[in-house]
């Protein structure tokens, strides 16, 4: 179900965007005026991504390491789960196939 909703969201994100806010079909004139009046001007020629500041940030490295460890543990458990059910709990994989399938879908 989660993957279906994500696919639908990505499809809509590819279909619905417009070249500018001014040409968007679902934005009112009042809303457009509010957005344009209250945004900071950005010079696209001089705006650059601060990669050095991003990758020298300790919180950023904490997020990267946490995400790596989370993925490592999750996929290790998902890979070893059928063997655990079979060898330790003495369930045949055909008996618990529904529950194993659910654990992959929860992801």
C-alpha atoms as a PDB file:
ATOM      1  CA  UNK A   1       0.000   0.000   0.000  1.00  0.00           C
ATOM      2  CA  UNK A   2       2.789   2.420   0.926  1.00  0.00           C
ATOM      3  CA  UNK A   3       4.567   1.872  -2.389  1.00  0.00           C
ATOM      4  CA  UNK A   4       1.323   2.409  -4.297  1.00  0.00           C
ATOM      5  CA  UNK A   5       0.715   5.751  -2.576  1.00  0.00           C
ATOM      6  CA  UNK A   6       4.304   6.821  -3.178  1.00  0.00           C
ATOM      7  CA  UNK A   7       4.048   5.925  -6.864  1.00  0.00           C
ATOM      8  CA  UNK A   8       0.810   7.884  -7.143  1.00  0.00           C
ATOM      9  CA  UNK A   9       2.382  10.878  -5.404  1.00  0.00           C
ATOM     10  CA  UNK A  10       5.391  10.821  -7.748  1.00  0.00           C
ATOM     11  CA  UNK A  11       3.148  10.534 -10.795  1.00  0.00           C
ATOM     12  CA  UNK A  12       1.094  13.527  -9.664  1.00  0.00           C
ATOM     13  CA  UNK A  13       4.274  15.484  -8.931  1.00  0.00           C
ATOM     14  CA  UNK A  14       5.366  14.927 -12.538  1.00  0.00           C
ATOM     15  CA  UNK A  15       1.993  15.845 -14.047  1.00  0.00           C
ATOM     16  CA  UNK A  16       0.777  18.784 -11.936  1.00  0.00           C
ATOM     17  CA  UNK A  17       3.666  21.291 -11.755  1.00  0.00           C
ATOM     18  CA  UNK A  18       3.479  24.501 -13.761  1.00  0.00           C
ATOM     19  CA  UNK A  19       6.368  26.621 -15.059  1.00  0.00           C
ATOM     20  CA  UNK A  20       5.642  29.438 -12.594  1.00  0.00           C
ATOM     21  CA  UNK A  21       3.305  30.348  -9.754  1.00  0.00           C
ATOM     22  CA  UNK A  22       1.570  32.882 -11.985  1.00  0.00           C
ATOM     23  CA  UNK A  23       0.338  30.174 -14.368  1.00  0.00           C
ATOM     24  CA  UNK A  24      -0.795  27.691 -11.689  1.00  0.00           C
ATOM     25  CA  UNK A  25      -4.505  26.884 -12.214  1.00  0.00           C
ATOM     26  CA  UNK A  26      -5.387  26.431  -8.514  1.00  0.00           C
ATOM     27  CA  UNK A  27      -3.841  29.541  -6.946  1.00  0.00           C
ATOM     28  CA  UNK A  28      -5.997  32.586  -6.287  1.00  0.00           C
ATOM     29  CA  UNK A  29      -4.902  36.125  -7.112  1.00  0.00           C
ATOM     30  CA  UNK A  30      -4.884  37.001  -3.416  1.00  0.00           C
ATOM     31  CA  UNK A  31      -2.695  33.999  -2.577  1.00  0.00           C
ATOM     32  CA  UNK A  32      -0.303  34.773  -5.439  1.00  0.00           C
ATOM     33  CA  UNK A  33      -0.006  38.404  -4.328  1.00  0.00           C
ATOM     34  CA  UNK A  34       0.718  37.306  -0.738  1.00  0.00           C
ATOM     35  CA  UNK A  35       3.452  34.881  -1.852  1.00  0.00           C
ATOM     36  CA  UNK A  36       5.108  37.382  -4.186  1.00  0.00           C
ATOM     37  CA  UNK A  37       4.986  40.210  -1.629  1.00  0.00           C
ATOM     38  CA  UNK A  38       6.418  38.149   1.250  1.00  0.00           C
ATOM     39  CA  UNK A  39       9.241  36.147  -0.308  1.00  0.00           C
ATOM     40  CA  UNK A  40      12.907  37.017  -0.215  1.00  0.00           C
ATOM     41  CA  UNK A  41      14.472  37.899  -3.550  1.00  0.00           C
ATOM     42  CA  UNK A  42      16.963  35.296  -4.770  1.00  0.00           C
ATOM     43  CA  UNK A  43      19.604  35.919  -7.378  1.00  0.00           C
ATOM     44  CA  UNK A  44      19.922  32.572  -9.147  1.00  0.00           C
ATOM     45  CA  UNK A  45      23.238  33.571 -10.739  1.00  0.00           C
ATOM     46  CA  UNK A  46      25.033  33.969  -7.406  1.00  0.00           C
ATOM     47  CA  UNK A  47      23.107  31.452  -5.270  1.00  0.00           C
ATOM     48  CA  UNK A  48      25.175  28.327  -4.702  1.00  0.00           C
ATOM     49  CA  UNK A  49      24.753  25.291  -2.501  1.00  0.00           C
ATOM     50  CA  UNK A  50      27.074  25.466   0.534  1.00  0.00           C
ATOM     51  CA  UNK A  51      28.401  21.896   0.182  1.00  0.00           C
ATOM     52  CA  UNK A  52      31.422  22.498   2.415  1.00  0.00           C
ATOM     53  CA  UNK A  53      29.229  23.796   5.257  1.00  0.00           C
ATOM     54  CA  UNK A  54      26.788  20.912   4.803  1.00  0.00           C
ATOM     55  CA  UNK A  55      29.389  18.143   4.902  1.00  0.00           C
ATOM     56  CA  UNK A  56      31.442  19.718   7.703  1.00  0.00           C
ATOM     57  CA  UNK A  57      28.340  19.937   9.906  1.00  0.00           C
ATOM     58  CA  UNK A  58      28.371  17.540  12.868  1.00  0.00           C
ATOM     59  CA  UNK A  59      24.533  17.162  12.891  1.00  0.00           C
ATOM     60  CA  UNK A  60      24.672  16.221   9.190  1.00  0.00           C
ATOM     61  CA  UNK A  61      27.235  13.478   9.884  1.00  0.00           C
ATOM     62  CA  UNK A  62      25.074  12.283  12.782  1.00  0.00           C
ATOM     63  CA  UNK A  63      22.115  11.947  10.409  1.00  0.00           C
ATOM     64  CA  UNK A  64      24.227  10.125   7.792  1.00  0.00           C
ATOM     65  CA  UNK A  65      25.651   7.658  10.341  1.00  0.00           C
ATOM     66  CA  UNK A  66      22.236   7.098  11.949  1.00  0.00           C
ATOM     67  CA  UNK A  67      20.604   6.425   8.583  1.00  0.00           C
ATOM     68  CA  UNK A  68      23.368   4.010   7.571  1.00  0.00           C
ATOM     69  CA  UNK A  69      23.086   2.083  10.853  1.00  0.00           C
ATOM     70  CA  UNK A  70      19.290   2.034  10.687  1.00  0.00           C
ATOM     71  CA  UNK A  71      19.327   0.646   7.147  1.00  0.00           C
ATOM     72  CA  UNK A  72      22.041  -1.885   8.030  1.00  0.00           C
ATOM     73  CA  UNK A  73      20.046  -3.291  10.956  1.00  0.00           C
ATOM     74  CA  UNK A  74      16.710  -3.218   9.138  1.00  0.00           C
ATOM     75  CA  UNK A  75      17.889  -5.036   6.022  1.00  0.00           C
ATOM     76  CA  UNK A  76      19.959  -7.504   8.049  1.00  0.00           C
ATOM     77  CA  UNK A  77      16.862  -8.388  10.067  1.00  0.00           C
ATOM     78  CA  UNK A  78      14.690  -8.630   6.967  1.00  0.00           C
ATOM     79  CA  UNK A  79      17.225 -10.909   5.293  1.00  0.00           C
ATOM     80  CA  UNK A  80      17.696 -13.169   8.323  1.00  0.00           C
ATOM     81  CA  UNK A  81      14.060 -13.277   9.443  1.00  0.00           C
ATOM     82  CA  UNK A  82      13.031 -16.336   7.384  1.00  0.00           C
ATOM     83  CA  UNK A  83      16.051 -18.284   8.656  1.00  0.00           C
ATOM     84  CA  UNK A  84      15.239 -17.253  12.247  1.00  0.00           C
ATOM     85  CA  UNK A  85      11.650 -18.441  11.905  1.00  0.00           C
ATOM     86  CA  UNK A  86      12.779 -21.736  10.416  1.00  0.00           C
ATOM     87  CA  UNK A  87      15.815 -22.579  12.591  1.00  0.00           C
ATOM     88  CA  UNK A  88      15.046 -21.021  15.979  1.00  0.00           C
ATOM     89  CA  UNK A  89      11.242 -20.960  16.204  1.00  0.00           C
ATOM     90  CA  UNK A  90      10.806 -24.191  14.195  1.00  0.00           C
ATOM     91  CA  UNK A  91       8.130 -22.772  11.928  1.00  0.00           C
ATOM     92  CA  UNK A  92       8.087 -23.835   8.340  1.00  0.00           C
ATOM     93  CA  UNK A  93       8.357 -20.899   6.021  1.00  0.00           C
ATOM     94  CA  UNK A  94       5.110 -21.899   4.308  1.00  0.00           C
ATOM     95  CA  UNK A  95       3.272 -21.594   7.670  1.00  0.00           C
ATOM     96  CA  UNK A  96       4.444 -18.076   8.366  1.00  0.00           C
ATOM     97  CA  UNK A  97       4.761 -16.736   4.832  1.00  0.00           C
ATOM     98  CA  UNK A  98       1.924 -14.266   5.399  1.00  0.00           C
ATOM     99  CA  UNK A  99       3.627 -12.755   8.459  1.00  0.00           C
ATOM    100  CA  UNK A 100       6.968 -12.598   6.689  1.00  0.00           C
ATOM    101  CA  UNK A 101       5.312 -10.845   3.775  1.00  0.00           C
ATOM    102  CA  UNK A 102       3.697  -8.349   6.166  1.00  0.00           C
ATOM    103  CA  UNK A 103       7.046  -7.498   7.699  1.00  0.00           C
ATOM    104  CA  UNK A 104       8.402  -6.540   4.274  1.00  0.00           C
ATOM    105  CA  UNK A 105       5.302  -4.471   3.490  1.00  0.00           C
ATOM    106  CA  UNK A 106       5.551  -2.535   6.768  1.00  0.00           C
ATOM    107  CA  UNK A 107       8.798  -1.055   5.535  1.00  0.00           C
END
